[in-house]
Amino acid sequence: MNCILLFNFYRSNIRLPFATVRRCFMNVVLGLLIGIIIGAAQFFLLVKFVKGVTAVAESDNETGNSSTTGYMAAGMLQLLLPFAALLAVAFLYRDALLWAGIGAGTSLLVLGVIKALFKRKEGK
């Protein structure tokens, strides 16, 4: 049973078996946990990619040579990671897919705000 339908049953005061409620709750928790892990991994790869590209751009101006292979690999992995992970969730545990996407987006947003606040504090 879809969890959103389950919440509609609660509004109409229809009693459901505990196993159904527990399974829906586990789908939400598992999906959010997988999503948070996906988002955190994507965020750290993105930070590594941006730091590497900006360092290479600064060294290009000074020395004239660059090695961007590792940073480009991190950038490509950062793009492919959420696609591959969410595809695996879709095939293996379809009920948690929505919540995995929500968790990934939320963790990216929260980690980005935290990093921006720390950078702002360092700048003062």
C-alpha atoms as a PDB file:
ATOM      1  CA  MET A   1       0.000   0.000   0.000  1.00  0.00           C
ATOM      2  CA  ASN A   2       1.233   3.453  -0.838  1.00  0.00           C
ATOM      3  CA  CYS A   3       2.172   5.541   2.205  1.00  0.00           C
ATOM      4  CA  ILE A   4       0.293   8.587   0.957  1.00  0.00           C
ATOM      5  CA  LEU A   5      -2.900   6.514   0.792  1.00  0.00           C
ATOM      6  CA  LEU A   6      -2.109   5.299   4.282  1.00  0.00           C
ATOM      7  CA  PHE A   7      -2.098   8.869   5.605  1.00  0.00           C
ATOM      8  CA  ASN A   8      -5.488   9.469   3.948  1.00  0.00           C
ATOM      9  CA  PHE A   9      -6.872   6.458   5.823  1.00  0.00           C
ATOM     10  CA  TYR A  10      -5.776   8.024   9.089  1.00  0.00           C
ATOM     11  CA  ARG A  11      -7.679  11.204   8.306  1.00  0.00           C
ATOM     12  CA  SER A  12     -10.846   9.195   7.755  1.00  0.00           C
ATOM     13  CA  ASN A  13     -10.349   7.268  11.064  1.00  0.00           C
ATOM     14  CA  ILE A  14     -10.115   3.852   9.403  1.00  0.00           C
ATOM     15  CA  ARG A  15      -8.047   1.421  11.457  1.00  0.00           C
ATOM     16  CA  LEU A  16      -5.297  -0.391   9.570  1.00  0.00           C
ATOM     17  CA  PRO A  17      -3.211  -3.387  10.649  1.00  0.00           C
ATOM     18  CA  PHE A  18      -0.036  -2.534  12.510  1.00  0.00           C
ATOM     19  CA  ALA A  19       2.087  -4.461   9.982  1.00  0.00           C
ATOM     20  CA  THR A  20       0.906  -2.155   7.188  1.00  0.00           C
ATOM     21  CA  VAL A  21       1.732   0.946   9.209  1.00  0.00           C
ATOM     22  CA  ARG A  22       5.140  -0.451  10.204  1.00  0.00           C
ATOM     23  CA  ARG A  23       6.019  -1.370   6.607  1.00  0.00           C
ATOM     24  CA  CYS A  24       5.112   2.116   5.410  1.00  0.00           C
ATOM     25  CA  PHE A  25       7.159   3.710   8.199  1.00  0.00           C
ATOM     26  CA  MET A  26      10.145   1.509   7.335  1.00  0.00           C
ATOM     27  CA  ASN A  27       9.872   2.525   3.662  1.00  0.00           C
ATOM     28  CA  VAL A  28      10.010   6.181   4.668  1.00  0.00           C
ATOM     29  CA  VAL A  29      12.935   5.736   7.063  1.00  0.00           C
ATOM     30  CA  LEU A  30      14.931   3.512   4.721  1.00  0.00           C
ATOM     31  CA  GLY A  31      14.321   5.816   1.768  1.00  0.00           C
ATOM     32  CA  LEU A  32      15.364   8.906   3.714  1.00  0.00           C
ATOM     33  CA  LEU A  33      18.483   7.164   5.012  1.00  0.00           C
ATOM     34  CA  ILE A  34      19.523   6.052   1.525  1.00  0.00           C
ATOM     35  CA  GLY A  35      18.784   9.526   0.174  1.00  0.00           C
ATOM     36  CA  ILE A  36      20.807  11.282   2.858  1.00  0.00           C
ATOM     37  CA  ILE A  37      23.789   9.036   2.088  1.00  0.00           C
ATOM     38  CA  ILE A  38      23.421   9.682  -1.657  1.00  0.00           C
ATOM     39  CA  GLY A  39      23.140  13.449  -1.148  1.00  0.00           C
ATOM     40  CA  ALA A  40      26.093  13.606   1.228  1.00  0.00           C
ATOM     41  CA  ALA A  41      28.307  11.626  -1.157  1.00  0.00           C
ATOM     42  CA  GLN A  42      27.240  13.835  -4.053  1.00  0.00           C
ATOM     43  CA  PHE A  43      27.922  16.983  -2.018  1.00  0.00           C
ATOM     44  CA  PHE A  44      31.443  15.921  -1.055  1.00  0.00           C
ATOM     45  CA  LEU A  45      32.250  14.946  -4.649  1.00  0.00           C
ATOM     46  CA  LEU A  46      30.930  18.317  -5.805  1.00  0.00           C
ATOM     47  CA  VAL A  47      33.072  20.156  -3.241  1.00  0.00           C
ATOM     48  CA  LYS A  48      36.140  18.188  -4.331  1.00  0.00           C
ATOM     49  CA  PHE A  49      35.405  18.956  -7.986  1.00  0.00           C
ATOM     50  CA  VAL A  50      34.912  22.685  -7.406  1.00  0.00           C
ATOM     51  CA  LYS A  51      38.028  22.996  -5.213  1.00  0.00           C
ATOM     52  CA  GLY A  52      40.105  21.118  -7.773  1.00  0.00           C
ATOM     53  CA  VAL A  53      38.883  23.114 -10.749  1.00  0.00           C
ATOM     54  CA  THR A  54      39.424  26.459  -9.005  1.00  0.00           C
ATOM     55  CA  ALA A  55      42.899  25.382  -7.842  1.00  0.00           C
ATOM     56  CA  VAL A  56      43.799  24.286 -11.369  1.00  0.00           C
ATOM     57  CA  ALA A  57      42.476  27.553 -12.781  1.00  0.00           C
ATOM     58  CA  GLU A  58      44.600  29.532 -10.328  1.00  0.00           C
ATOM     59  CA  SER A  59      47.707  27.407 -11.055  1.00  0.00           C
ATOM     60  CA  ASP A  60      47.130  27.780 -14.821  1.00  0.00           C
ATOM     61  CA  ASN A  61      47.456  31.495 -14.452  1.00  0.00           C
ATOM     62  CA  GLU A  62      50.752  31.122 -12.585  1.00  0.00           C
ATOM     63  CA  THR A  63      52.507  28.165 -14.224  1.00  0.00           C
ATOM     64  CA  GLY A  64      50.742  27.456 -17.489  1.00  0.00           C
ATOM     65  CA  ASN A  65      50.301  23.678 -16.991  1.00  0.00           C
ATOM     66  CA  SER A  66      47.433  21.773 -15.435  1.00  0.00           C
ATOM     67  CA  SER A  67      46.314  18.264 -14.538  1.00  0.00           C
ATOM     68  CA  THR A  68      42.538  18.081 -14.457  1.00  0.00           C
ATOM     69  CA  THR A  69      41.998  14.347 -14.925  1.00  0.00           C
ATOM     70  CA  GLY A  70      41.219  13.566 -11.263  1.00  0.00           C
ATOM     71  CA  TYR A  71      38.963  16.553 -10.852  1.00  0.00           C
ATOM     72  CA  MET A  72      37.046  15.815 -14.025  1.00  0.00           C
ATOM     73  CA  ALA A  73      36.583  12.226 -12.844  1.00  0.00           C
ATOM     74  CA  ALA A  74      35.151  13.538  -9.558  1.00  0.00           C
ATOM     75  CA  GLY A  75      32.850  15.816 -11.543  1.00  0.00           C
ATOM     76  CA  MET A  76      31.615  12.991 -13.757  1.00  0.00           C
ATOM     77  CA  LEU A  77      31.156  10.702 -10.755  1.00  0.00           C
ATOM     78  CA  GLN A  78      29.227  13.475  -9.015  1.00  0.00           C
ATOM     79  CA  LEU A  79      26.846  13.596 -11.974  1.00  0.00           C
ATOM     80  CA  LEU A  80      26.453   9.824 -12.315  1.00  0.00           C
ATOM     81  CA  LEU A  81      26.223   8.903  -8.617  1.00  0.00           C
ATOM     82  CA  PRO A  82      22.638  10.021  -7.926  1.00  0.00           C
ATOM     83  CA  PHE A  83      21.396   8.562 -11.199  1.00  0.00           C
ATOM     84  CA  ALA A  84      22.974   5.170 -10.531  1.00  0.00           C
ATOM     85  CA  ALA A  85      21.976   5.085  -6.863  1.00  0.00           C
ATOM     86  CA  LEU A  86      18.357   6.086  -7.461  1.00  0.00           C
ATOM     87  CA  LEU A  87      18.150   3.611 -10.338  1.00  0.00           C
ATOM     88  CA  ALA A  88      19.350   0.864  -7.995  1.00  0.00           C
ATOM     89  CA  VAL A  89      16.759   1.913  -5.412  1.00  0.00           C
ATOM     90  CA  ALA A  90      14.066   1.879  -8.106  1.00  0.00           C
ATOM     91  CA  PHE A  91      14.910  -1.689  -9.092  1.00  0.00           C
ATOM     92  CA  LEU A  92      15.597  -3.112  -5.634  1.00  0.00           C
ATOM     93  CA  TYR A  93      13.245  -1.227  -3.325  1.00  0.00           C
ATOM     94  CA  ARG A  94      10.700   0.736  -5.337  1.00  0.00           C
ATOM     95  CA  ASP A  95       8.590   1.852  -2.352  1.00  0.00           C
ATOM     96  CA  ALA A  96      11.483   3.901  -0.961  1.00  0.00           C
ATOM     97  CA  LEU A  97      12.304   5.735  -4.203  1.00  0.00           C
ATOM     98  CA  LEU A  98      10.324   8.899  -3.489  1.00  0.00           C
ATOM     99  CA  TRP A  99      11.775   9.232  -0.026  1.00  0.00           C
ATOM    100  CA  ALA A 100      15.309   8.561  -1.283  1.00  0.00           C
ATOM    101  CA  GLY A 101      14.954  11.447  -3.729  1.00  0.00           C
ATOM    102  CA  ILE A 102      13.607  13.711  -1.002  1.00  0.00           C
ATOM    103  CA  GLY A 103      16.472  12.743   1.315  1.00  0.00           C
ATOM    104  CA  ALA A 104      19.118  13.332  -1.367  1.00  0.00           C
ATOM    105  CA  GLY A 105      17.813  16.778  -2.246  1.00  0.00           C
ATOM    106  CA  THR A 106      17.383  17.773   1.384  1.00  0.00           C
ATOM    107  CA  SER A 107      20.873  16.662   2.387  1.00  0.00           C
ATOM    108  CA  LEU A 108      22.410  18.539  -0.554  1.00  0.00           C
ATOM    109  CA  LEU A 109      20.553  21.673   0.468  1.00  0.00           C
ATOM    110  CA  VAL A 110      21.352  21.396   4.175  1.00  0.00           C
ATOM    111  CA  LEU A 111      25.042  20.623   3.638  1.00  0.00           C
ATOM    112  CA  GLY A 112      25.326  23.500   1.162  1.00  0.00           C
ATOM    113  CA  VAL A 113      23.804  25.953   3.641  1.00  0.00           C
ATOM    114  CA  ILE A 114      26.047  24.698   6.453  1.00  0.00           C
ATOM    115  CA  LYS A 115      29.153  25.027   4.271  1.00  0.00           C
ATOM    116  CA  ALA A 116      28.110  28.528   3.180  1.00  0.00           C
ATOM    117  CA  LEU A 117      27.600  29.582   6.803  1.00  0.00           C
ATOM    118  CA  PHE A 118      31.050  28.286   7.769  1.00  0.00           C
ATOM    119  CA  LYS A 119      32.643  30.044   4.795  1.00  0.00           C
ATOM    120  CA  ARG A 120      30.866  33.251   5.745  1.00  0.00           C
ATOM    121  CA  LYS A 121      32.117  32.928   9.338  1.00  0.00           C
ATOM    122  CA  GLU A 122      35.707  32.396   8.056  1.00  0.00           C
ATOM    123  CA  GLY A 123      35.435  35.512   5.880  1.00  0.00           C
ATOM    124  CA  LYS A 124      34.686  37.814   8.820  1.00  0.00           C
END
